[in-house]
Amino acid sequence: MAPLRNTAPDDPPSAWAPAPVRPPQSDRPAPVIALAAVFVLSLVLVAVRSPDGVVASADPGFEPVPLPLLLVPAAACIALTLLLPRGAGRAAVAVRRPRSVRAETSGLLALAVGFTLAVPILPRPEDYVLLKAAMFMLIPSVVLGEILRRRGASVEIERPDIPAWVPLLPALVLGVTATVGPFSPGPPATWPPLAMLLIGASATAVTAGLGEELLYRRFLQTRLEALCGPWTALLAVSLLFGLMHVFTHGAGPLWASAAQAIALQGVTGVALGLLWRRWRRLWPCVLAHVLLNGLTVLLHLVGLTG
C-alpha cells in the first residue's frame, strides 16, 4: 500500500490526501454471542414447532421438508468456504472516514428495515419488485456513488488473490443443492403462464440475486464489519436478511414466521455473507443467489422438471 499522508479522518479528498486507514475492527464477544443465540433459538423453535418438516415457501404446492435437510446446502457452503484456500493477501475492511461510515451504515440499515416493514402494506404484488429495485439498488448506489465522487471512499476493502474456481465451488454447491435434489423443497405443483413466469424470474434475478447482495453484503455488511468486526457484521446482516422474508415466506403467527425466516433464509444469509467475507468477490454471492431463486425455473423451462 502506498504511504498515506496524515489528514483528518473526515477531510474531503479535495486536497488529494487520502485519510489515514484505521486497522480492521475486532469483534466484541457479547454481540456475537447474542446474535448467535438468536439463530440457535430460531432453529430450536422451528424444529419443535414443525417436527414433520417445514414448508419453505409461501407459494402453493410445496410439501414439508425436514429442517435438517433444508439446512444442508448452507452448511455445506459454509464448510467449503472455510476449508478452501484463503488466497494470497488479506480480506480486511478498514475505515478511512469514521463519521461517514457511521452515517452510511445508518442509512443502509434504514433502507433494509424500512423495506421489510413496508412489504405487508404494499397494495400490489408488482410493487414489491419496484420498491426493492429502488431501495436496494437505485437509492444506495446513487447516494454512495455521489459520496464516493465528492469525498472519496469511506472504507477500504482488501481482497486476496485467488483462482476463480475457489469461490465458484461453494457458490454452486449452495445454489444447486438448495434447489435440486433431496435437500431442496422441490418445484411447485403448478406454474404460472409462461410470460408471467419469465417476467417474474427475470425481475427476481435482478432485484433479489443482484439487489439483495448489493445492499446486504457489499454495502451494509462491509460497513458494519468496519465498525463492529467481521462476525458481528456477518450475523447481524444475516439476521436482517432472514427477517426480510418474514412476510413472503413465513406462515402462522408472526413469531413463528420470524423464527422460520431466520432459521432458513437467515442461515442462507450466513453462507452468502461468509462467501463475501472470505474472498471479497460479489459475483459468487450473486451467482448462488440467482441459482437459489431461478434454477428450478430454468429446469422447468427446458423440460427437466414438472
C-alpha atoms as a PDB file:
ATOM      1  CA  MET A   1       0.000   0.000   0.000  1.00  0.00           C
ATOM      2  CA  ALA A   2       1.315   3.452  -0.846  1.00  0.00           C
ATOM      3  CA  PRO A   3       2.239   5.738   2.070  1.00  0.00           C
ATOM      4  CA  LEU A   4      -0.666   7.844   3.297  1.00  0.00           C
ATOM      5  CA  ARG A   5      -0.406  11.441   4.401  1.00  0.00           C
ATOM      6  CA  ASN A   6      -1.773  12.234   7.836  1.00  0.00           C
ATOM      7  CA  THR A   7      -5.040  14.117   7.313  1.00  0.00           C
ATOM      8  CA  ALA A   8      -8.147  14.387   9.443  1.00  0.00           C
ATOM      9  CA  PRO A   9     -10.382  11.298   9.119  1.00  0.00           C
ATOM     10  CA  ASP A  10     -13.264  13.205   7.554  1.00  0.00           C
ATOM     11  CA  ASP A  11     -11.403  15.653   5.364  1.00  0.00           C
ATOM     12  CA  PRO A  12     -12.758  15.771   1.801  1.00  0.00           C
ATOM     13  CA  PRO A  13     -10.379  14.427  -0.840  1.00  0.00           C
ATOM     14  CA  SER A  14     -10.147  17.848  -2.488  1.00  0.00           C
ATOM     15  CA  ALA A  15      -6.617  18.182  -1.102  1.00  0.00           C
ATOM     16  CA  TRP A  16      -5.806  14.830  -2.738  1.00  0.00           C
ATOM     17  CA  ALA A  17      -4.511  13.462   0.539  1.00  0.00           C
ATOM     18  CA  PRO A  18      -6.153  10.146   1.500  1.00  0.00           C
ATOM     19  CA  ALA A  19      -7.316   9.843   5.079  1.00  0.00           C
ATOM     20  CA  PRO A  20      -5.304   7.508   7.310  1.00  0.00           C
ATOM     21  CA  VAL A  21      -6.659   3.987   7.370  1.00  0.00           C
ATOM     22  CA  ARG A  22      -7.747   2.592  10.702  1.00  0.00           C
ATOM     23  CA  PRO A  23      -6.903  -1.087  11.311  1.00  0.00           C
ATOM     24  CA  PRO A  24      -9.664  -3.701  10.980  1.00  0.00           C
ATOM     25  CA  GLN A  25     -12.132  -3.687  13.881  1.00  0.00           C
ATOM     26  CA  SER A  26     -12.224  -6.708  16.171  1.00  0.00           C
ATOM     27  CA  ASP A  27     -15.429  -8.343  17.376  1.00  0.00           C
ATOM     28  CA  ARG A  28     -16.597  -7.999  20.946  1.00  0.00           C
ATOM     29  CA  PRO A  29     -17.803 -11.315  22.375  1.00  0.00           C
ATOM     30  CA  ALA A  30     -21.181 -10.150  23.732  1.00  0.00           C
ATOM     31  CA  PRO A  31     -22.791  -9.096  20.410  1.00  0.00           C
ATOM     32  CA  VAL A  32     -21.527 -12.218  18.639  1.00  0.00           C
ATOM     33  CA  ILE A  33     -22.883 -14.493  21.372  1.00  0.00           C
ATOM     34  CA  ALA A  34     -26.239 -12.667  21.433  1.00  0.00           C
ATOM     35  CA  LEU A  35     -26.655 -12.844  17.650  1.00  0.00           C
ATOM     36  CA  ALA A  36     -25.624 -16.493  17.525  1.00  0.00           C
ATOM     37  CA  ALA A  37     -28.146 -17.231  20.289  1.00  0.00           C
ATOM     38  CA  VAL A  38     -30.934 -15.738  18.160  1.00  0.00           C
ATOM     39  CA  PHE A  39     -30.076 -18.145  15.357  1.00  0.00           C
ATOM     40  CA  VAL A  40     -29.888 -21.128  17.700  1.00  0.00           C
ATOM     41  CA  LEU A  41     -33.190 -20.210  19.364  1.00  0.00           C
ATOM     42  CA  SER A  42     -34.873 -19.836  15.966  1.00  0.00           C
ATOM     43  CA  LEU A  43     -33.628 -23.238  14.833  1.00  0.00           C
ATOM     44  CA  VAL A  44     -34.881 -24.848  18.043  1.00  0.00           C
ATOM     45  CA  LEU A  45     -38.287 -23.162  17.785  1.00  0.00           C
ATOM     46  CA  VAL A  46     -38.762 -24.265  14.177  1.00  0.00           C
ATOM     47  CA  ALA A  47     -37.661 -27.830  14.936  1.00  0.00           C
ATOM     48  CA  VAL A  48     -40.046 -28.078  17.898  1.00  0.00           C
ATOM     49  CA  ARG A  49     -42.964 -26.402  16.143  1.00  0.00           C
ATOM     50  CA  SER A  50     -42.576 -28.324  12.870  1.00  0.00           C
ATOM     51  CA  PRO A  51     -41.259 -31.810  13.710  1.00  0.00           C
ATOM     52  CA  ASP A  52     -42.695 -33.235  10.480  1.00  0.00           C
ATOM     53  CA  GLY A  53     -41.000 -30.684   8.255  1.00  0.00           C
ATOM     54  CA  VAL A  54     -41.081 -27.099   7.084  1.00  0.00           C
ATOM     55  CA  VAL A  55     -42.866 -25.654   4.079  1.00  0.00           C
ATOM     56  CA  ALA A  56     -40.059 -23.495   2.739  1.00  0.00           C
ATOM     57  CA  SER A  57     -42.183 -21.258   0.503  1.00  0.00           C
ATOM     58  CA  ALA A  58     -45.455 -19.411   0.944  1.00  0.00           C
ATOM     59  CA  ASP A  59     -46.353 -20.251  -2.674  1.00  0.00           C
ATOM     60  CA  PRO A  60     -48.924 -23.033  -3.079  1.00  0.00           C
ATOM     61  CA  GLY A  61     -47.912 -26.585  -3.921  1.00  0.00           C
ATOM     62  CA  PHE A  62     -44.865 -27.088  -1.718  1.00  0.00           C
ATOM     63  CA  GLU A  63     -44.618 -30.039   0.654  1.00  0.00           C
ATOM     64  CA  PRO A  64     -42.973 -30.029   4.098  1.00  0.00           C
ATOM     65  CA  VAL A  65     -39.283 -30.958   4.186  1.00  0.00           C
ATOM     66  CA  PRO A  66     -37.395 -31.838   7.387  1.00  0.00           C
ATOM     67  CA  LEU A  67     -35.486 -28.831   8.678  1.00  0.00           C
ATOM     68  CA  PRO A  68     -32.079 -30.595   8.851  1.00  0.00           C
ATOM     69  CA  LEU A  69     -32.299 -31.429   5.142  1.00  0.00           C
ATOM     70  CA  LEU A  70     -33.082 -27.835   4.219  1.00  0.00           C
ATOM     71  CA  LEU A  71     -30.028 -26.658   6.160  1.00  0.00           C
ATOM     72  CA  VAL A  72     -27.565 -28.983   4.403  1.00  0.00           C
ATOM     73  CA  PRO A  73     -26.843 -26.706   1.388  1.00  0.00           C
ATOM     74  CA  ALA A  74     -25.977 -23.694   3.548  1.00  0.00           C
ATOM     75  CA  ALA A  75     -23.945 -25.864   5.924  1.00  0.00           C
ATOM     76  CA  ALA A  76     -22.020 -27.390   3.007  1.00  0.00           C
ATOM     77  CA  CYS A  77     -21.347 -23.942   1.551  1.00  0.00           C
ATOM     78  CA  ILE A  78     -20.106 -22.663   4.909  1.00  0.00           C
ATOM     79  CA  ALA A  79     -17.842 -25.694   5.394  1.00  0.00           C
ATOM     80  CA  LEU A  80     -16.363 -25.421   1.899  1.00  0.00           C
ATOM     81  CA  THR A  81     -15.811 -21.692   2.270  1.00  0.00           C
ATOM     82  CA  LEU A  82     -13.896 -22.221   5.498  1.00  0.00           C
ATOM     83  CA  LEU A  83     -11.877 -25.180   4.171  1.00  0.00           C
ATOM     84  CA  LEU A  84     -10.882 -23.825   0.766  1.00  0.00           C
ATOM     85  CA  PRO A  85      -7.760 -21.638   0.449  1.00  0.00           C
ATOM     86  CA  ARG A  86      -7.993 -18.046   1.596  1.00  0.00           C
ATOM     87  CA  GLY A  87      -5.708 -16.885  -1.202  1.00  0.00           C
ATOM     88  CA  ALA A  88      -2.711 -14.587  -1.112  1.00  0.00           C
ATOM     89  CA  GLY A  89      -3.310 -11.378   0.803  1.00  0.00           C
ATOM     90  CA  ARG A  90      -5.919 -10.208   3.286  1.00  0.00           C
ATOM     91  CA  ALA A  91      -9.675  -9.814   3.045  1.00  0.00           C
ATOM     92  CA  ALA A  92      -9.865  -6.939   5.506  1.00  0.00           C
ATOM     93  CA  VAL A  93     -12.078  -3.861   5.703  1.00  0.00           C
ATOM     94  CA  ALA A  94     -10.661  -0.695   7.225  1.00  0.00           C
ATOM     95  CA  VAL A  95     -12.138   2.738   7.910  1.00  0.00           C
ATOM     96  CA  ARG A  96     -10.986   5.895   6.185  1.00  0.00           C
ATOM     97  CA  ARG A  97     -13.696   8.308   7.370  1.00  0.00           C
ATOM     98  CA  PRO A  98     -15.425   7.079  10.555  1.00  0.00           C
ATOM     99  CA  ARG A  99     -18.256   9.618  10.638  1.00  0.00           C
ATOM    100  CA  SER A 100     -19.119   8.922   7.033  1.00  0.00           C
ATOM    101  CA  VAL A 101     -19.121   5.164   7.636  1.00  0.00           C
ATOM    102  CA  ARG A 102     -21.492   5.562  10.573  1.00  0.00           C
ATOM    103  CA  ALA A 103     -23.825   7.796   8.560  1.00  0.00           C
ATOM    104  CA  GLU A 104     -23.785   5.457   5.564  1.00  0.00           C
ATOM    105  CA  THR A 105     -24.422   2.444   7.790  1.00  0.00           C
ATOM    106  CA  SER A 106     -27.383   4.152   9.434  1.00  0.00           C
ATOM    107  CA  GLY A 107     -28.882   4.960   6.044  1.00  0.00           C
ATOM    108  CA  LEU A 108     -28.413   1.412   4.777  1.00  0.00           C
ATOM    109  CA  LEU A 109     -29.968  -0.037   7.932  1.00  0.00           C
ATOM    110  CA  ALA A 110     -32.934   2.284   7.452  1.00  0.00           C
ATOM    111  CA  LEU A 111     -33.387   1.003   3.895  1.00  0.00           C
ATOM    112  CA  ALA A 112     -33.196  -2.649   4.967  1.00  0.00           C
ATOM    113  CA  VAL A 113     -35.588  -2.281   7.901  1.00  0.00           C
ATOM    114  CA  GLY A 114     -37.887   0.096   6.035  1.00  0.00           C
ATOM    115  CA  PHE A 115     -38.326  -2.317   3.157  1.00  0.00           C
ATOM    116  CA  THR A 116     -39.201  -5.194   5.497  1.00  0.00           C
ATOM    117  CA  LEU A 117     -41.812  -3.096   7.302  1.00  0.00           C
ATOM    118  CA  ALA A 118     -43.280  -1.826   4.024  1.00  0.00           C
ATOM    119  CA  VAL A 119     -43.831  -5.267   2.484  1.00  0.00           C
ATOM    120  CA  PRO A 120     -47.138  -6.141   4.227  1.00  0.00           C
ATOM    121  CA  ILE A 121     -48.746  -2.807   3.263  1.00  0.00           C
ATOM    122  CA  LEU A 122     -47.815  -2.803  -0.420  1.00  0.00           C
ATOM    123  CA  PRO A 123     -51.051  -2.614  -2.460  1.00  0.00           C
ATOM    124  CA  ARG A 124     -49.945  -4.758  -5.434  1.00  0.00           C
ATOM    125  CA  PRO A 125     -47.534  -7.693  -5.855  1.00  0.00           C
ATOM    126  CA  GLU A 126     -45.522  -5.860  -8.506  1.00  0.00           C
ATOM    127  CA  ASP A 127     -44.882  -3.031  -6.042  1.00  0.00           C
ATOM    128  CA  TYR A 128     -42.651  -5.455  -4.116  1.00  0.00           C
ATOM    129  CA  VAL A 129     -40.248  -5.691  -7.051  1.00  0.00           C
ATOM    130  CA  LEU A 130     -40.327  -1.964  -7.800  1.00  0.00           C
ATOM    131  CA  LEU A 131     -39.740  -0.986  -4.185  1.00  0.00           C
ATOM    132  CA  LYS A 132     -36.882  -3.467  -3.854  1.00  0.00           C
ATOM    133  CA  ALA A 133     -35.235  -2.134  -7.004  1.00  0.00           C
ATOM    134  CA  ALA A 134     -35.463   1.401  -5.637  1.00  0.00           C
ATOM    135  CA  MET A 135     -34.408   0.728  -2.043  1.00  0.00           C
ATOM    136  CA  PHE A 136     -31.805  -1.967  -2.642  1.00  0.00           C
ATOM    137  CA  MET A 137     -30.207  -0.794  -5.871  1.00  0.00           C
ATOM    138  CA  LEU A 138     -31.113   2.683  -7.082  1.00  0.00           C
ATOM    139  CA  ILE A 139     -31.051   4.727  -3.871  1.00  0.00           C
ATOM    140  CA  PRO A 140     -27.920   3.248  -2.222  1.00  0.00           C
ATOM    141  CA  SER A 141     -25.962   3.101  -5.482  1.00  0.00           C
ATOM    142  CA  VAL A 142     -26.722   6.720  -6.358  1.00  0.00           C
ATOM    143  CA  VAL A 143     -26.137   8.087  -2.860  1.00  0.00           C
ATOM    144  CA  LEU A 144     -22.972   6.105  -2.152  1.00  0.00           C
ATOM    145  CA  GLY A 145     -21.683   6.808  -5.659  1.00  0.00           C
ATOM    146  CA  GLU A 146     -22.164  10.530  -5.139  1.00  0.00           C
ATOM    147  CA  ILE A 147     -20.415  10.386  -1.752  1.00  0.00           C
ATOM    148  CA  LEU A 148     -17.544   8.485  -3.357  1.00  0.00           C
ATOM    149  CA  ARG A 149     -17.298  11.047  -6.150  1.00  0.00           C
ATOM    150  CA  ARG A 150     -17.315  14.048  -3.817  1.00  0.00           C
ATOM    151  CA  ARG A 151     -15.339  12.816  -0.822  1.00  0.00           C
ATOM    152  CA  GLY A 152     -13.646   9.555  -1.705  1.00  0.00           C
ATOM    153  CA  ALA A 153     -14.114   6.096  -0.231  1.00  0.00           C
ATOM    154  CA  SER A 154     -15.153   5.882   3.419  1.00  0.00           C
ATOM    155  CA  VAL A 155     -13.938   2.293   3.730  1.00  0.00           C
ATOM    156  CA  GLU A 156     -11.045   0.450   2.179  1.00  0.00           C
ATOM    157  CA  ILE A 157     -11.553  -3.157   1.097  1.00  0.00           C
ATOM    158  CA  GLU A 158      -8.681  -5.555   0.558  1.00  0.00           C
ATOM    159  CA  ARG A 159      -9.284  -8.783  -1.321  1.00  0.00           C
ATOM    160  CA  PRO A 160      -6.934 -11.747  -1.662  1.00  0.00           C
ATOM    161  CA  ASP A 161      -5.698 -13.159  -4.943  1.00  0.00           C
ATOM    162  CA  ILE A 162      -7.473 -16.444  -5.562  1.00  0.00           C
ATOM    163  CA  PRO A 163      -8.338 -18.581  -8.609  1.00  0.00           C
ATOM    164  CA  ALA A 164     -11.937 -18.128  -9.736  1.00  0.00           C
ATOM    165  CA  TRP A 165     -12.814 -21.789  -9.145  1.00  0.00           C
ATOM    166  CA  VAL A 166     -12.282 -21.435  -5.393  1.00  0.00           C
ATOM    167  CA  PRO A 167     -15.258 -19.131  -4.639  1.00  0.00           C
ATOM    168  CA  LEU A 168     -17.191 -20.678  -7.526  1.00  0.00           C
ATOM    169  CA  LEU A 169     -17.327 -24.129  -5.892  1.00  0.00           C
ATOM    170  CA  PRO A 170     -19.200 -23.231  -2.676  1.00  0.00           C
ATOM    171  CA  ALA A 171     -21.466 -20.870  -4.625  1.00  0.00           C
ATOM    172  CA  LEU A 172     -22.504 -23.712  -6.925  1.00  0.00           C
ATOM    173  CA  VAL A 173     -22.934 -26.128  -4.035  1.00  0.00           C
ATOM    174  CA  LEU A 174     -25.273 -23.709  -2.293  1.00  0.00           C
ATOM    175  CA  GLY A 175     -27.248 -22.668  -5.361  1.00  0.00           C
ATOM    176  CA  VAL A 176     -27.679 -26.121  -6.886  1.00  0.00           C
ATOM    177  CA  THR A 177     -28.229 -28.353  -3.858  1.00  0.00           C
ATOM    178  CA  ALA A 178     -30.727 -25.918  -2.324  1.00  0.00           C
ATOM    179  CA  THR A 179     -32.946 -26.075  -5.422  1.00  0.00           C
ATOM    180  CA  VAL A 180     -32.440 -29.581  -6.859  1.00  0.00           C
ATOM    181  CA  GLY A 181     -32.292 -32.938  -5.084  1.00  0.00           C
ATOM    182  CA  PRO A 182     -33.104 -34.241  -1.610  1.00  0.00           C
ATOM    183  CA  PHE A 183     -32.060 -31.044   0.209  1.00  0.00           C
ATOM    184  CA  SER A 184     -34.441 -28.786  -1.702  1.00  0.00           C
ATOM    185  CA  PRO A 185     -38.167 -28.074  -1.289  1.00  0.00           C
ATOM    186  CA  GLY A 186     -38.663 -29.213  -4.885  1.00  0.00           C
ATOM    187  CA  PRO A 187     -40.610 -27.474  -7.657  1.00  0.00           C
ATOM    188  CA  PRO A 188     -44.085 -26.026  -7.133  1.00  0.00           C
ATOM    189  CA  ALA A 189     -47.102 -28.134  -8.012  1.00  0.00           C
ATOM    190  CA  THR A 190     -48.311 -25.579 -10.574  1.00  0.00           C
ATOM    191  CA  TRP A 191     -46.589 -22.950 -12.671  1.00  0.00           C
ATOM    192  CA  PRO A 192     -47.885 -19.542 -13.840  1.00  0.00           C
ATOM    193  CA  PRO A 193     -48.269 -18.768 -17.556  1.00  0.00           C
ATOM    194  CA  LEU A 194     -45.001 -18.609 -19.496  1.00  0.00           C
ATOM    195  CA  ALA A 195     -44.925 -14.836 -19.982  1.00  0.00           C
ATOM    196  CA  MET A 196     -45.606 -14.192 -16.310  1.00  0.00           C
ATOM    197  CA  LEU A 197     -43.016 -16.777 -15.297  1.00  0.00           C
ATOM    198  CA  LEU A 198     -40.318 -15.204 -17.485  1.00  0.00           C
ATOM    199  CA  ILE A 199     -41.055 -11.690 -16.264  1.00  0.00           C
ATOM    200  CA  GLY A 200     -41.134 -12.778 -12.625  1.00  0.00           C
ATOM    201  CA  ALA A 201     -37.941 -14.829 -12.880  1.00  0.00           C
ATOM    202  CA  SER A 202     -36.067 -12.003 -14.616  1.00  0.00           C
ATOM    203  CA  ALA A 203     -37.216  -9.417 -12.082  1.00  0.00           C
ATOM    204  CA  THR A 204     -36.264 -11.722  -9.208  1.00  0.00           C
ATOM    205  CA  ALA A 205     -32.818 -12.389 -10.686  1.00  0.00           C
ATOM    206  CA  VAL A 206     -32.100  -8.663 -10.821  1.00  0.00           C
ATOM    207  CA  THR A 207     -33.733  -7.368  -7.648  1.00  0.00           C
ATOM    208  CA  ALA A 208     -33.022 -10.388  -5.406  1.00  0.00           C
ATOM    209  CA  GLY A 209     -29.956 -12.016  -6.956  1.00  0.00           C
ATOM    210  CA  LEU A 210     -28.141  -8.734  -7.523  1.00  0.00           C
ATOM    211  CA  GLY A 211     -30.040  -6.173  -5.458  1.00  0.00           C
ATOM    212  CA  GLU A 212     -30.082  -8.064  -2.172  1.00  0.00           C
ATOM    213  CA  GLU A 213     -26.413  -8.947  -2.467  1.00  0.00           C
ATOM    214  CA  LEU A 214     -25.515  -5.324  -3.144  1.00  0.00           C
ATOM    215  CA  LEU A 215     -27.432  -3.991  -0.169  1.00  0.00           C
ATOM    216  CA  TYR A 216     -26.844  -6.698   2.413  1.00  0.00           C
ATOM    217  CA  ARG A 217     -23.367  -7.944   1.563  1.00  0.00           C
ATOM    218  CA  ARG A 218     -21.456  -5.344  -0.471  1.00  0.00           C
ATOM    219  CA  PHE A 219     -22.842  -2.190   1.125  1.00  0.00           C
ATOM    220  CA  LEU A 220     -24.133  -2.998   4.620  1.00  0.00           C
ATOM    221  CA  GLN A 221     -22.035  -5.949   5.805  1.00  0.00           C
ATOM    222  CA  THR A 222     -18.858  -4.211   4.664  1.00  0.00           C
ATOM    223  CA  ARG A 223     -19.558  -1.076   6.673  1.00  0.00           C
ATOM    224  CA  LEU A 224     -20.822  -2.898   9.742  1.00  0.00           C
ATOM    225  CA  GLU A 225     -17.677  -5.003   9.669  1.00  0.00           C
ATOM    226  CA  ALA A 226     -15.552  -1.870   9.603  1.00  0.00           C
ATOM    227  CA  LEU A 227     -17.406  -0.563  12.661  1.00  0.00           C
ATOM    228  CA  CYS A 228     -18.164  -3.712  14.687  1.00  0.00           C
ATOM    229  CA  GLY A 229     -15.996  -6.596  13.488  1.00  0.00           C
ATOM    230  CA  PRO A 230     -16.444  -9.367  10.912  1.00  0.00           C
ATOM    231  CA  TRP A 231     -18.568 -11.895  12.821  1.00  0.00           C
ATOM    232  CA  THR A 232     -20.814  -9.275  14.376  1.00  0.00           C
ATOM    233  CA  ALA A 233     -21.471  -7.804  10.944  1.00  0.00           C
ATOM    234  CA  LEU A 234     -21.997 -11.167   9.260  1.00  0.00           C
ATOM    235  CA  LEU A 235     -24.504 -12.391  11.857  1.00  0.00           C
ATOM    236  CA  ALA A 236     -26.337  -9.057  12.149  1.00  0.00           C
ATOM    237  CA  VAL A 237     -26.767  -8.675   8.389  1.00  0.00           C
ATOM    238  CA  SER A 238     -27.787 -12.322   8.016  1.00  0.00           C
ATOM    239  CA  LEU A 239     -30.417 -11.778  10.712  1.00  0.00           C
ATOM    240  CA  LEU A 240     -31.792  -8.762   8.844  1.00  0.00           C
ATOM    241  CA  PHE A 241     -31.657 -10.712   5.598  1.00  0.00           C
ATOM    242  CA  GLY A 242     -33.674 -13.519   7.147  1.00  0.00           C
ATOM    243  CA  LEU A 243     -36.253 -11.175   8.653  1.00  0.00           C
ATOM    244  CA  MET A 244     -36.764  -9.553   5.258  1.00  0.00           C
ATOM    245  CA  HIS A 245     -38.511 -12.804   4.235  1.00  0.00           C
ATOM    246  CA  VAL A 246     -40.963 -12.896   7.173  1.00  0.00           C
ATOM    247  CA  PHE A 247     -43.967 -11.640   5.214  1.00  0.00           C
ATOM    248  CA  THR A 248     -43.210 -13.504   1.971  1.00  0.00           C
ATOM    249  CA  HIS A 249     -42.009 -16.924   3.177  1.00  0.00           C
ATOM    250  CA  GLY A 250     -43.378 -17.351   6.672  1.00  0.00           C
ATOM    251  CA  ALA A 251     -46.596 -18.953   7.876  1.00  0.00           C
ATOM    252  CA  GLY A 252     -48.557 -18.828  11.110  1.00  0.00           C
ATOM    253  CA  PRO A 253     -48.136 -16.208  13.853  1.00  0.00           C
ATOM    254  CA  LEU A 254     -45.535 -13.509  13.418  1.00  0.00           C
ATOM    255  CA  TRP A 255     -43.094 -15.020  15.927  1.00  0.00           C
ATOM    256  CA  ALA A 256     -43.200 -18.372  14.128  1.00  0.00           C
ATOM    257  CA  SER A 257     -42.726 -16.734  10.742  1.00  0.00           C
ATOM    258  CA  ALA A 258     -39.771 -14.775  12.096  1.00  0.00           C
ATOM    259  CA  ALA A 259     -38.180 -17.895  13.567  1.00  0.00           C
ATOM    260  CA  GLN A 260     -38.607 -19.790  10.295  1.00  0.00           C
ATOM    261  CA  ALA A 261     -37.202 -16.907   8.235  1.00  0.00           C
ATOM    262  CA  ILE A 262     -34.149 -16.699  10.483  1.00  0.00           C
ATOM    263  CA  ALA A 263     -33.675 -20.493  10.504  1.00  0.00           C
ATOM    264  CA  LEU A 264     -33.892 -20.830   6.713  1.00  0.00           C
ATOM    265  CA  GLN A 265     -33.168 -17.563   4.893  1.00  0.00           C
ATOM    266  CA  GLY A 266     -31.049 -16.235   7.749  1.00  0.00           C
ATOM    267  CA  VAL A 267     -28.763 -19.277   7.731  1.00  0.00           C
ATOM    268  CA  THR A 268     -28.523 -18.984   3.946  1.00  0.00           C
ATOM    269  CA  GLY A 269     -27.523 -15.369   4.547  1.00  0.00           C
ATOM    270  CA  VAL A 270     -24.707 -16.580   6.791  1.00  0.00           C
ATOM    271  CA  ALA A 271     -23.407 -18.732   3.933  1.00  0.00           C
ATOM    272  CA  LEU A 272     -23.638 -15.841   1.450  1.00  0.00           C
ATOM    273  CA  GLY A 273     -22.085 -13.419   3.925  1.00  0.00           C
ATOM    274  CA  LEU A 274     -19.202 -15.767   4.581  1.00  0.00           C
ATOM    275  CA  LEU A 275     -18.558 -16.021   0.841  1.00  0.00           C
ATOM    276  CA  TRP A 276     -18.251 -12.241   0.730  1.00  0.00           C
ATOM    277  CA  ARG A 277     -16.203 -12.051   3.933  1.00  0.00           C
ATOM    278  CA  ARG A 278     -13.737 -14.727   2.838  1.00  0.00           C
ATOM    279  CA  TRP A 279     -12.865 -13.569  -0.674  1.00  0.00           C
ATOM    280  CA  ARG A 280     -14.430 -10.116  -1.216  1.00  0.00           C
ATOM    281  CA  ARG A 281     -15.927 -11.075  -4.549  1.00  0.00           C
ATOM    282  CA  LEU A 282     -19.590 -10.280  -5.016  1.00  0.00           C
ATOM    283  CA  TRP A 283     -20.125 -12.404  -8.117  1.00  0.00           C
ATOM    284  CA  PRO A 284     -20.138 -15.780  -6.235  1.00  0.00           C
ATOM    285  CA  CYS A 285     -22.812 -14.393  -3.891  1.00  0.00           C
ATOM    286  CA  VAL A 286     -24.877 -13.153  -6.837  1.00  0.00           C
ATOM    287  CA  LEU A 287     -24.442 -16.430  -8.718  1.00  0.00           C
ATOM    288  CA  ALA A 288     -25.508 -18.514  -5.716  1.00  0.00           C
ATOM    289  CA  HIS A 289     -28.484 -16.230  -5.082  1.00  0.00           C
ATOM    290  CA  VAL A 290     -29.633 -16.320  -8.706  1.00  0.00           C
ATOM    291  CA  LEU A 291     -29.423 -20.114  -8.676  1.00  0.00           C
ATOM    292  CA  LEU A 292     -31.346 -20.266  -5.406  1.00  0.00           C
ATOM    293  CA  ASN A 293     -34.204 -18.316  -6.954  1.00  0.00           C
ATOM    294  CA  GLY A 294     -34.012 -19.320 -10.582  1.00  0.00           C
ATOM    295  CA  LEU A 295     -32.522 -22.765 -11.183  1.00  0.00           C
ATOM    296  CA  THR A 296     -35.844 -24.535 -10.690  1.00  0.00           C
ATOM    297  CA  VAL A 297     -37.452 -22.142 -13.181  1.00  0.00           C
ATOM    298  CA  LEU A 298     -34.684 -22.779 -15.706  1.00  0.00           C
ATOM    299  CA  LEU A 299     -35.028 -26.544 -15.364  1.00  0.00           C
ATOM    300  CA  HIS A 300     -38.781 -26.228 -15.819  1.00  0.00           C
ATOM    301  CA  LEU A 301     -38.330 -24.140 -18.975  1.00  0.00           C
ATOM    302  CA  VAL A 302     -36.028 -26.735 -20.543  1.00  0.00           C
ATOM    303  CA  GLY A 303     -38.381 -29.523 -19.562  1.00  0.00           C
ATOM    304  CA  LEU A 304     -36.319 -31.214 -16.847  1.00  0.00           C
ATOM    305  CA  THR A 305     -38.872 -30.636 -14.093  1.00  0.00           C
ATOM    306  CA  GLY A 306     -42.647 -30.666 -13.938  1.00  0.00           C
END
